[in-house]
Amino acid sequence: MKLFLPLALIIAISASSLFYFLKINNEPLNNFGDSPETSISEQSERNSLSDDPFYKLTIPYLRERDYVSQLNEKELISSNNEYSTYLASYDSDGLDINGLLTIPSGEQPAGGWPAVVFIHG
């Protein structure tokens, strides 16, 4: 308990000093650079998607662009009575993307096999 009070006091003083420092220097406290003097029209103009430095990472942009790629030659990893597993890759904006492709054995349905895609990043 004796250690808790001084530690809490140091944290409170540090946090209030940081807040005071930012406020004195008129630095914005948000990521948009808005200050009380910024008009609403300036804020809305700045917030348009085309001005966003991350616009190329937004869903609307990604939906609009064209994607051209194809699956490269597959390498058989394993096979059994139920399915075959292949190491597969494709080109995505100049990068080789690798993955495992598992294809069920048997006759393929008219609409093709259902697919499950696992993505991480």
C-alpha atoms as a PDB file:
ATOM      1  CA  MET A   1       0.000   0.000   0.000  1.00  0.00           C
ATOM      2  CA  LYS A   2       2.919   2.319   0.756  1.00  0.00           C
ATOM      3  CA  LEU A   3       4.190   1.872  -2.820  1.00  0.00           C
ATOM      4  CA  PHE A   4       0.775   2.278  -4.454  1.00  0.00           C
ATOM      5  CA  LEU A   5       0.122   5.888  -3.356  1.00  0.00           C
ATOM      6  CA  PRO A   6       3.421   7.381  -4.628  1.00  0.00           C
ATOM      7  CA  LEU A   7       3.089   5.431  -7.889  1.00  0.00           C
ATOM      8  CA  ALA A   8      -0.482   6.666  -8.429  1.00  0.00           C
ATOM      9  CA  LEU A   9       0.644  10.232  -7.672  1.00  0.00           C
ATOM     10  CA  ILE A  10       3.483  10.030 -10.204  1.00  0.00           C
ATOM     11  CA  ILE A  11       1.137   8.710 -12.900  1.00  0.00           C
ATOM     12  CA  ALA A  12      -1.441  11.448 -12.203  1.00  0.00           C
ATOM     13  CA  ILE A  13       1.204  14.208 -12.314  1.00  0.00           C
ATOM     14  CA  SER A  14       2.689  12.805 -15.547  1.00  0.00           C
ATOM     15  CA  ALA A  15      -0.691  12.594 -17.260  1.00  0.00           C
ATOM     16  CA  SER A  16      -1.742  16.106 -16.234  1.00  0.00           C
ATOM     17  CA  SER A  17       1.655  17.519 -17.285  1.00  0.00           C
ATOM     18  CA  LEU A  18       1.343  15.913 -20.709  1.00  0.00           C
ATOM     19  CA  PHE A  19      -2.188  17.287 -21.155  1.00  0.00           C
ATOM     20  CA  TYR A  20      -1.054  20.769 -20.030  1.00  0.00           C
ATOM     21  CA  PHE A  21       1.953  20.680 -22.376  1.00  0.00           C
ATOM     22  CA  LEU A  22      -0.204  19.753 -25.384  1.00  0.00           C
ATOM     23  CA  LYS A  23      -2.778  22.406 -24.549  1.00  0.00           C
ATOM     24  CA  ILE A  24      -0.141  25.156 -24.044  1.00  0.00           C
ATOM     25  CA  ASN A  25       1.469  24.407 -27.399  1.00  0.00           C
ATOM     26  CA  ASN A  26      -1.949  24.449 -29.125  1.00  0.00           C
ATOM     27  CA  GLU A  27      -1.313  21.016 -30.500  1.00  0.00           C
ATOM     28  CA  PRO A  28      -4.471  19.147 -31.427  1.00  0.00           C
ATOM     29  CA  LEU A  29      -5.597  16.385 -29.113  1.00  0.00           C
ATOM     30  CA  ASN A  30      -7.018  14.327 -31.984  1.00  0.00           C
ATOM     31  CA  ASN A  31      -5.586  12.822 -35.160  1.00  0.00           C
ATOM     32  CA  PHE A  32      -7.339  15.188 -37.543  1.00  0.00           C
ATOM     33  CA  GLY A  33      -5.486  18.407 -36.724  1.00  0.00           C
ATOM     34  CA  ASP A  34      -8.727  20.259 -35.981  1.00  0.00           C
ATOM     35  CA  SER A  35      -8.507  23.285 -33.740  1.00  0.00           C
ATOM     36  CA  PRO A  36     -11.328  25.477 -32.416  1.00  0.00           C
ATOM     37  CA  GLU A  37     -10.564  27.976 -35.207  1.00  0.00           C
ATOM     38  CA  THR A  38     -11.175  25.410 -37.984  1.00  0.00           C
ATOM     39  CA  SER A  39     -14.487  26.052 -39.703  1.00  0.00           C
ATOM     40  CA  ILE A  40     -16.974  23.267 -40.401  1.00  0.00           C
ATOM     41  CA  SER A  41     -16.542  23.661 -44.166  1.00  0.00           C
ATOM     42  CA  GLU A  42     -12.774  23.287 -43.819  1.00  0.00           C
ATOM     43  CA  GLN A  43     -13.246  20.161 -41.711  1.00  0.00           C
ATOM     44  CA  SER A  44     -15.673  18.564 -44.169  1.00  0.00           C
ATOM     45  CA  GLU A  45     -13.443  19.466 -47.108  1.00  0.00           C
ATOM     46  CA  ARG A  46     -10.439  17.914 -45.392  1.00  0.00           C
ATOM     47  CA  ASN A  47     -12.388  14.779 -44.521  1.00  0.00           C
ATOM     48  CA  SER A  48     -13.314  13.977 -48.133  1.00  0.00           C
ATOM     49  CA  LEU A  49     -12.093  10.547 -49.190  1.00  0.00           C
ATOM     50  CA  SER A  50      -9.779  11.778 -51.919  1.00  0.00           C
ATOM     51  CA  ASP A  51      -7.741  13.751 -49.380  1.00  0.00           C
ATOM     52  CA  ASP A  52      -7.408  10.790 -47.054  1.00  0.00           C
ATOM     53  CA  PRO A  53      -3.809   9.494 -47.128  1.00  0.00           C
ATOM     54  CA  PHE A  54      -5.188   6.000 -46.498  1.00  0.00           C
ATOM     55  CA  TYR A  55      -7.819   6.193 -49.273  1.00  0.00           C
ATOM     56  CA  LYS A  56      -6.177   3.346 -51.190  1.00  0.00           C
ATOM     57  CA  LEU A  57      -6.824   1.113 -48.155  1.00  0.00           C
ATOM     58  CA  THR A  58     -10.560   1.845 -47.996  1.00  0.00           C
ATOM     59  CA  ILE A  59     -13.232  -0.605 -49.110  1.00  0.00           C
ATOM     60  CA  PRO A  60     -14.733   1.799 -51.722  1.00  0.00           C
ATOM     61  CA  TYR A  61     -11.340   2.186 -53.427  1.00  0.00           C
ATOM     62  CA  LEU A  62     -10.595  -1.541 -53.300  1.00  0.00           C
ATOM     63  CA  ARG A  63     -14.012  -2.330 -54.811  1.00  0.00           C
ATOM     64  CA  GLU A  64     -13.401   0.067 -57.720  1.00  0.00           C
ATOM     65  CA  ARG A  65     -10.020  -1.240 -58.827  1.00  0.00           C
ATOM     66  CA  ASP A  66      -9.323  -4.171 -61.138  1.00  0.00           C
ATOM     67  CA  TYR A  67      -7.589  -7.331 -59.948  1.00  0.00           C
ATOM     68  CA  VAL A  68      -5.719  -9.465 -62.478  1.00  0.00           C
ATOM     69  CA  SER A  69      -4.061 -12.657 -61.298  1.00  0.00           C
ATOM     70  CA  GLN A  70      -4.139 -16.389 -61.713  1.00  0.00           C
ATOM     71  CA  LEU A  71      -3.254 -19.426 -59.648  1.00  0.00           C
ATOM     72  CA  ASN A  72       0.305 -20.596 -60.367  1.00  0.00           C
ATOM     73  CA  GLU A  73       1.226 -24.262 -60.759  1.00  0.00           C
ATOM     74  CA  LYS A  74       0.112 -26.292 -57.752  1.00  0.00           C
ATOM     75  CA  GLU A  75       2.510 -28.586 -55.855  1.00  0.00           C
ATOM     76  CA  LEU A  76       0.906 -31.717 -54.363  1.00  0.00           C
ATOM     77  CA  ILE A  77       1.624 -31.885 -50.618  1.00  0.00           C
ATOM     78  CA  SER A  78      -0.573 -34.810 -49.545  1.00  0.00           C
ATOM     79  CA  SER A  79      -3.452 -36.913 -50.776  1.00  0.00           C
ATOM     80  CA  ASN A  80      -5.891 -39.422 -49.282  1.00  0.00           C
ATOM     81  CA  ASN A  81      -9.333 -40.884 -50.103  1.00  0.00           C
ATOM     82  CA  GLU A  82     -11.145 -37.721 -48.970  1.00  0.00           C
ATOM     83  CA  TYR A  83      -9.083 -34.837 -50.377  1.00  0.00           C
ATOM     84  CA  SER A  84      -5.786 -33.654 -51.874  1.00  0.00           C
ATOM     85  CA  THR A  85      -3.772 -30.750 -50.486  1.00  0.00           C
ATOM     86  CA  TYR A  86      -1.630 -28.525 -52.686  1.00  0.00           C
ATOM     87  CA  LEU A  87       0.797 -25.682 -52.082  1.00  0.00           C
ATOM     88  CA  ALA A  88      -0.567 -22.928 -54.306  1.00  0.00           C
ATOM     89  CA  SER A  89       0.470 -19.353 -54.996  1.00  0.00           C
ATOM     90  CA  TYR A  90      -0.693 -16.331 -56.953  1.00  0.00           C
ATOM     91  CA  ASP A  91       0.597 -12.845 -57.727  1.00  0.00           C
ATOM     92  CA  SER A  92      -0.998  -9.912 -55.856  1.00  0.00           C
ATOM     93  CA  ASP A  93       0.329  -6.463 -56.785  1.00  0.00           C
ATOM     94  CA  GLY A  94       3.811  -7.882 -57.352  1.00  0.00           C
ATOM     95  CA  LEU A  95       3.872 -10.052 -54.233  1.00  0.00           C
ATOM     96  CA  ASP A  96       3.723 -13.864 -54.219  1.00  0.00           C
ATOM     97  CA  ILE A  97       0.889 -15.004 -51.954  1.00  0.00           C
ATOM     98  CA  ASN A  98       1.219 -18.626 -50.841  1.00  0.00           C
ATOM     99  CA  GLY A  99      -1.431 -20.870 -49.355  1.00  0.00           C
ATOM    100  CA  LEU A 100      -2.749 -24.370 -49.006  1.00  0.00           C
ATOM    101  CA  LEU A 101      -5.469 -25.441 -51.403  1.00  0.00           C
ATOM    102  CA  THR A 102      -7.490 -28.490 -50.313  1.00  0.00           C
ATOM    103  CA  ILE A 103      -9.671 -30.068 -52.982  1.00  0.00           C
ATOM    104  CA  PRO A 104     -12.184 -32.812 -52.096  1.00  0.00           C
ATOM    105  CA  SER A 105     -11.976 -36.134 -53.947  1.00  0.00           C
ATOM    106  CA  GLY A 106     -14.888 -37.251 -56.060  1.00  0.00           C
ATOM    107  CA  GLU A 107     -16.942 -35.722 -58.812  1.00  0.00           C
ATOM    108  CA  GLN A 108     -17.162 -31.933 -58.667  1.00  0.00           C
ATOM    109  CA  PRO A 109     -20.740 -30.584 -58.300  1.00  0.00           C
ATOM    110  CA  ALA A 110     -22.235 -28.608 -61.202  1.00  0.00           C
ATOM    111  CA  GLY A 111     -21.763 -25.269 -59.409  1.00  0.00           C
ATOM    112  CA  GLY A 112     -18.255 -26.172 -58.187  1.00  0.00           C
ATOM    113  CA  TRP A 113     -17.057 -27.020 -54.713  1.00  0.00           C
ATOM    114  CA  PRO A 114     -17.974 -24.652 -51.885  1.00  0.00           C
ATOM    115  CA  ALA A 115     -14.963 -22.715 -50.624  1.00  0.00           C
ATOM    116  CA  VAL A 116     -13.664 -21.559 -47.260  1.00  0.00           C
ATOM    117  CA  VAL A 117     -10.922 -18.926 -47.249  1.00  0.00           C
ATOM    118  CA  PHE A 118      -8.788 -18.355 -44.158  1.00  0.00           C
ATOM    119  CA  ILE A 119      -6.970 -15.014 -44.161  1.00  0.00           C
ATOM    120  CA  HIS A 120      -4.582 -13.558 -41.620  1.00  0.00           C
ATOM    121  CA  GLY A 121      -2.243 -10.619 -41.786  1.00  0.00           C
END
